[in-house]
Amino acid sequence: MPRPIPLERYRNIGISAHIDAGKTTTTERILFYTGMSHKLGEVHDGAATTDWMAQEQERGITITSAAVSCFWPGMDRGFEPHRINIIDTPGHVDFTIEVERSMRVLDGAVMVYDSVGGVQPQSETVWRQANKYHVPRLAFVNKMDRPGADFFRVVRMMQERLKANPVPIVIPVGAEEHFTGVVDLIKKRTIVWDDATQGMVFNYAPVPDELLSTAQEWREKMVSAAAEASDALMDKYLETATLMRLRSSKGCVFGPSPVKSSRCCAAAPLKTKGYSACSMR
């Protein structure tokens, strides 16, 4: 019997971070928003899908890597659908070897950062492991609703401590208790989530006036990075200093060199904001 999705469109994606940055919560949101689960499993309730061991449920931490699957529809149907095998890895330093084993088989990784703590010791360790195995990365700045949350400080910390080249594809609208959504730099629109649907439904709105200049600045940086995905895109960018939306989207997904540059998103798990739209990216 033929596979519904051919093997060449399978991807192994790891979720890695410092302990308590929100890796397992991120995994649960991905499963929920891609329709693989019908209820949000919370770590503090011992109900997370990937925390299946009794010790994990009791302590609220991930001890061993666990794999689950979901399906990516292809970003507004612009690409063929893919099957995504998600590997939720431990964040505690004592279980670093579990992360090392997982890195060997990954096609990509989501590096989760606490918006308050930023780049922490184990964040640096897993980043070096990803460098070792040449794993492409997406940076996910989590817990934007926490007191002291600062998306742009985390971006700077990635540059300074990891020597990385983070490229935000969204910027947050507000922070802490005022975090209400994100500005999609590709579509140049604000994404607003519907609380009544646990963030499952989101709508687009104009960019707030106070964020117009900031959004334009970061969009120019994103488009410049996307142009480096290929010589053709770079030539187009140099000629016009801009790119079509679809071309910009494709560049942000597939290039430039994924080991040298990491896309950045922002989210708040308990407010269920930031996950559903990024899951479609």
Protein backbone atom coordinates (compact mmCIF):
# COMPACT_ATOMS: atom_id res chain seq x y z
CA MET A 1 0.00 0.00 0.00
CA PRO A 2 1.54 3.38 -0.98
CA ARG A 3 2.39 5.91 1.71
CA PRO A 4 0.03 8.92 1.87
CA ILE A 5 3.17 11.08 2.02
CA PRO A 6 6.31 9.83 0.25
CA LEU A 7 9.38 9.16 2.35
CA GLU A 8 11.33 12.04 0.81
CA ARG A 9 8.85 14.43 2.45
CA TYR A 10 9.45 13.13 5.97
CA ARG A 11 11.41 15.40 8.30
CA ASN A 12 12.88 14.74 11.75
CA ILE A 13 12.68 17.93 13.83
CA GLY A 14 14.08 18.19 17.36
CA ILE A 15 12.93 20.52 20.15
CA SER A 16 15.90 21.56 22.31
CA ALA A 17 16.56 24.12 25.05
CA HIS A 18 17.69 24.83 28.58
CA ILE A 19 15.52 23.19 31.24
CA ASP A 20 12.12 24.86 31.82
CA ALA A 21 12.33 26.98 28.67
CA GLY A 22 9.12 25.36 27.43
CA LYS A 23 10.22 22.61 25.03
CA THR A 24 7.52 20.10 25.92
CA THR A 25 4.87 22.82 26.05
CA THR A 26 5.93 23.87 22.56
CA THR A 27 5.63 20.25 21.38
CA GLU A 28 2.13 20.01 22.87
CA ARG A 29 1.04 23.19 21.10
CA ILE A 30 2.36 21.93 17.76
CA LEU A 31 0.42 18.68 18.18
CA PHE A 32 -2.74 20.58 19.11
CA TYR A 33 -2.59 23.16 16.33
CA THR A 34 -1.79 20.58 13.66
CA GLY A 35 -4.80 18.51 14.74
CA MET A 36 -2.87 15.55 16.17
CA SER A 37 -4.33 16.05 19.65
CA HIS A 38 -7.71 17.45 20.67
CA LYS A 39 -6.73 18.73 24.09
CA LEU A 40 -3.73 20.71 25.30
CA GLY A 41 -1.66 18.50 27.58
CA GLU A 42 0.06 20.57 30.25
CA VAL A 43 3.39 19.64 31.85
CA HIS A 44 2.30 20.86 35.29
CA ASP A 45 -0.70 18.51 35.12
CA GLY A 46 1.45 15.53 34.15
CA ALA A 47 -0.57 15.25 30.95
CA ALA A 48 2.04 16.04 28.29
CA THR A 49 2.10 13.49 25.46
CA THR A 50 5.89 13.18 25.32
CA ASP A 51 6.42 13.02 29.10
CA TRP A 52 5.25 9.42 29.36
CA MET A 53 7.52 8.19 32.19
CA ALA A 54 6.17 8.35 35.75
CA GLN A 55 9.29 10.23 36.87
CA GLU A 56 8.77 12.84 34.14
CA GLN A 57 5.14 13.36 35.09
CA GLU A 58 6.02 13.62 38.78
CA ARG A 59 8.93 16.04 38.36
CA GLY A 60 7.62 18.01 35.40
CA ILE A 61 10.84 17.60 33.39
CA THR A 62 11.85 15.61 30.32
CA ILE A 63 14.28 12.78 31.10
CA THR A 64 14.40 10.83 27.85
CA SER A 65 13.84 11.86 24.24
CA ALA A 66 10.39 11.04 22.89
CA ALA A 67 9.07 11.10 19.33
CA VAL A 68 5.64 12.10 18.03
CA SER A 69 4.39 12.93 14.54
CA CYS A 70 2.30 15.63 12.89
CA PHE A 71 1.69 16.95 9.39
CA TRP A 72 2.73 20.28 7.87
CA PRO A 73 0.21 21.43 5.23
CA GLY A 74 2.73 23.44 3.23
CA MET A 75 2.47 27.09 4.36
CA ASP A 76 -0.72 28.40 2.74
CA ARG A 77 -0.54 25.40 0.37
CA GLY A 78 2.54 26.92 -1.27
CA PHE A 79 4.50 23.68 -0.82
CA GLU A 80 3.79 19.96 -0.78
CA PRO A 81 2.58 18.61 2.61
CA HIS A 82 5.21 16.97 4.81
CA ARG A 83 5.15 14.53 7.71
CA ILE A 84 7.06 15.94 10.68
CA ASN A 85 8.53 13.58 13.28
CA ILE A 86 9.07 15.72 16.38
CA ILE A 87 11.71 14.64 18.90
CA ASP A 88 11.24 16.29 22.30
CA THR A 89 14.65 16.25 24.00
CA PRO A 90 15.64 16.76 27.67
CA GLY A 91 16.83 20.16 28.87
CA HIS A 92 18.57 19.09 32.08
CA VAL A 93 22.37 18.99 31.90
CA ASP A 94 22.41 15.45 33.34
CA PHE A 95 20.66 14.13 30.22
CA THR A 96 22.75 15.91 27.60
CA ILE A 97 23.71 12.60 26.00
CA GLU A 98 20.04 12.13 25.03
CA VAL A 99 20.23 15.36 23.04
CA GLU A 100 23.51 14.27 21.43
CA ARG A 101 21.93 11.03 20.22
CA SER A 102 18.95 12.86 18.78
CA MET A 103 21.05 15.44 16.92
CA ARG A 104 22.54 12.70 14.76
CA VAL A 105 19.21 12.01 13.03
CA LEU A 106 17.68 15.50 12.82
CA ASP A 107 16.85 17.38 9.64
CA GLY A 108 16.26 20.52 11.69
CA ALA A 109 15.77 21.77 15.25
CA VAL A 110 13.65 24.28 17.11
CA MET A 111 15.76 26.00 19.76
CA VAL A 112 13.45 27.30 22.48
CA TYR A 113 14.49 30.27 24.62
CA ASP A 114 12.85 31.67 27.73
CA SER A 115 12.09 35.32 26.90
CA VAL A 116 13.34 36.30 30.38
CA GLY A 117 16.36 34.00 30.81
CA GLY A 118 17.40 34.16 27.17
CA VAL A 119 20.46 32.15 26.20
CA GLN A 120 21.25 29.97 29.23
CA PRO A 121 24.07 27.44 29.82
CA GLN A 122 22.29 24.43 28.33
CA SER A 123 21.14 26.62 25.44
CA GLU A 124 24.80 27.06 24.55
CA THR A 125 25.47 23.32 24.90
CA VAL A 126 22.68 22.23 22.55
CA TRP A 127 23.66 24.96 20.08
CA ARG A 128 27.21 23.55 19.95
CA GLN A 129 25.77 20.06 19.47
CA ALA A 130 23.68 21.33 16.56
CA ASN A 131 26.78 22.95 15.08
CA LYS A 132 28.64 19.65 15.39
CA TYR A 133 26.03 17.82 13.30
CA HIS A 134 25.24 20.77 10.99
CA VAL A 135 21.58 20.90 12.01
CA PRO A 136 19.49 23.83 10.64
CA ARG A 137 17.71 25.75 13.39
CA LEU A 138 14.64 27.86 14.13
CA ALA A 139 14.74 30.03 17.26
CA PHE A 140 11.54 30.20 19.31
CA VAL A 141 11.39 32.92 21.98
CA ASN A 142 8.89 31.54 24.47
CA LYS A 143 6.94 32.81 27.48
CA MET A 144 6.49 36.32 26.13
CA ASP A 145 3.78 36.90 28.75
CA ARG A 146 6.23 36.57 31.69
CA PRO A 147 7.38 39.61 33.69
CA GLY A 148 10.69 40.78 32.25
CA ALA A 149 10.10 39.26 28.79
CA ASP A 150 12.26 40.89 26.10
CA PHE A 151 12.31 39.41 22.60
CA PHE A 152 15.01 41.68 21.22
CA ARG A 153 17.33 41.07 24.18
CA VAL A 154 17.17 37.34 23.41
CA VAL A 155 18.04 38.09 19.78
CA ARG A 156 21.09 40.08 20.95
CA MET A 157 22.10 37.28 23.33
CA MET A 158 22.02 34.82 20.43
CA GLN A 159 24.34 37.08 18.49
CA GLU A 160 26.73 37.65 21.39
CA ARG A 161 26.82 34.27 23.14
CA LEU A 162 26.13 31.87 20.31
CA LYS A 163 27.74 33.90 17.51
CA ALA A 164 24.54 33.19 15.62
CA ASN A 165 22.72 35.19 12.97
CA PRO A 166 19.09 35.30 14.17
CA VAL A 167 16.59 36.56 11.59
CA PRO A 168 13.17 37.38 13.11
CA ILE A 169 10.24 36.59 10.82
CA VAL A 170 7.85 38.06 13.39
CA ILE A 171 8.21 40.68 16.10
CA PRO A 172 6.03 40.79 19.24
CA VAL A 173 3.21 43.23 19.84
CA GLY A 174 3.74 44.17 23.48
CA ALA A 175 5.33 42.06 26.19
CA GLU A 176 4.55 40.64 29.63
CA GLU A 177 0.83 41.06 30.41
CA HIS A 178 0.54 43.35 27.36
CA PHE A 179 1.63 40.68 24.87
CA THR A 180 -1.28 40.49 22.43
CA GLY A 181 0.15 39.06 19.21
CA VAL A 182 2.93 39.35 16.66
CA VAL A 183 3.65 41.28 13.49
CA ASP A 184 4.16 38.91 10.55
CA LEU A 185 7.10 40.52 8.74
CA ILE A 186 6.44 38.53 5.57
CA LYS A 187 2.80 39.58 5.16
CA LYS A 188 3.30 42.95 6.90
CA ARG A 189 0.23 42.32 9.04
CA THR A 190 -0.43 41.82 12.75
CA ILE A 191 -1.59 38.36 13.80
CA VAL A 192 -4.26 38.43 16.53
CA TRP A 193 -5.40 35.20 18.21
CA ASP A 194 -8.91 34.32 19.30
CA ASP A 195 -8.79 33.42 23.00
CA ALA A 196 -12.14 31.60 22.80
CA THR A 197 -10.62 28.96 20.49
CA GLN A 198 -7.42 28.54 22.56
CA GLY A 199 -5.48 30.28 19.81
CA MET A 200 -6.66 27.87 17.11
CA VAL A 201 -8.19 30.74 15.13
CA PHE A 202 -6.20 33.85 14.28
CA ASN A 203 -6.92 36.93 12.20
CA TYR A 204 -4.84 39.57 10.46
CA ALA A 205 -4.98 43.26 11.36
CA PRO A 206 -2.98 46.34 10.36
CA VAL A 207 0.39 46.88 12.02
CA PRO A 208 0.04 49.24 15.03
CA ASP A 209 1.30 52.75 14.27
CA GLU A 210 3.87 52.61 17.06
CA LEU A 211 5.44 49.49 15.51
CA LEU A 212 5.52 50.58 11.87
CA SER A 213 9.13 51.79 11.85
CA THR A 214 10.37 48.84 13.92
CA ALA A 215 8.54 46.37 11.70
CA GLN A 216 9.96 47.99 8.56
CA GLU A 217 13.50 47.86 9.96
CA TRP A 218 13.28 44.16 10.81
CA ARG A 219 11.48 43.33 7.57
CA GLU A 220 14.35 44.83 5.58
CA LYS A 221 16.81 42.68 7.53
CA MET A 222 14.66 39.60 6.92
CA VAL A 223 14.33 40.25 3.19
CA SER A 224 18.07 40.83 2.90
CA ALA A 225 18.69 37.48 4.61
CA ALA A 226 16.09 35.74 2.42
CA ALA A 227 17.78 37.12 -0.69
CA GLU A 228 20.93 35.26 0.25
CA ALA A 229 19.07 31.97 -0.26
CA SER A 230 20.07 31.89 -3.92
CA ASP A 231 21.90 33.89 -6.55
CA ALA A 232 18.63 34.53 -8.38
CA LEU A 233 16.96 35.98 -5.29
CA MET A 234 20.05 38.04 -4.50
CA ASP A 235 20.09 39.50 -8.02
CA LYS A 236 16.41 40.36 -7.70
CA TYR A 237 17.02 42.01 -4.33
CA LEU A 238 19.98 44.04 -5.59
CA GLU A 239 17.96 45.24 -8.56
CA THR A 240 14.80 46.24 -6.69
CA ALA A 241 15.72 46.22 -2.97
CA THR A 242 12.60 44.13 -2.40
CA LEU A 243 11.18 40.68 -3.04
CA MET A 244 7.74 39.36 -3.85
CA ARG A 245 5.90 37.93 -0.83
CA LEU A 246 6.04 34.34 -2.07
CA ARG A 247 9.71 34.57 -2.90
CA SER A 248 10.42 36.10 0.47
CA SER A 249 8.46 33.29 2.14
CA LYS A 250 10.37 30.59 0.27
CA GLY A 251 13.68 32.21 1.12
CA CYS A 252 12.73 32.32 4.78
CA VAL A 253 11.90 28.62 4.76
CA PHE A 254 14.77 27.18 2.76
CA GLY A 255 17.68 29.63 2.92
CA PRO A 256 20.16 31.09 3.39
CA SER A 257 22.60 28.54 4.79
CA PRO A 258 20.49 27.23 7.70
CA VAL A 259 23.47 26.56 9.95
CA LYS A 260 24.60 30.20 9.68
CA SER A 261 21.18 31.83 10.04
CA SER A 262 18.20 31.04 12.29
CA ARG A 263 14.63 32.28 11.91
CA CYS A 264 13.06 33.68 15.09
CA CYS A 265 9.45 33.54 16.32
CA ALA A 266 7.78 34.67 19.56
CA ALA A 267 5.03 33.06 21.63
CA ALA A 268 3.27 32.83 24.99
CA PRO A 269 2.17 29.26 25.86
CA LEU A 270 -0.33 29.90 28.63
CA LYS A 271 -2.03 32.58 26.55
CA THR A 272 -1.94 30.22 23.53
CA LYS A 273 -0.53 32.99 21.36
CA GLY A 274 2.17 32.60 18.73
CA TYR A 275 1.99 28.87 18.06
CA SER A 276 -0.71 28.24 15.47
CA ALA A 277 0.62 30.69 12.88
CA CYS A 278 4.23 29.56 13.34
CA SER A 279 3.14 25.92 13.03
CA MET A 280 1.95 26.79 9.54
CA ARG A 281 5.29 28.32 8.61
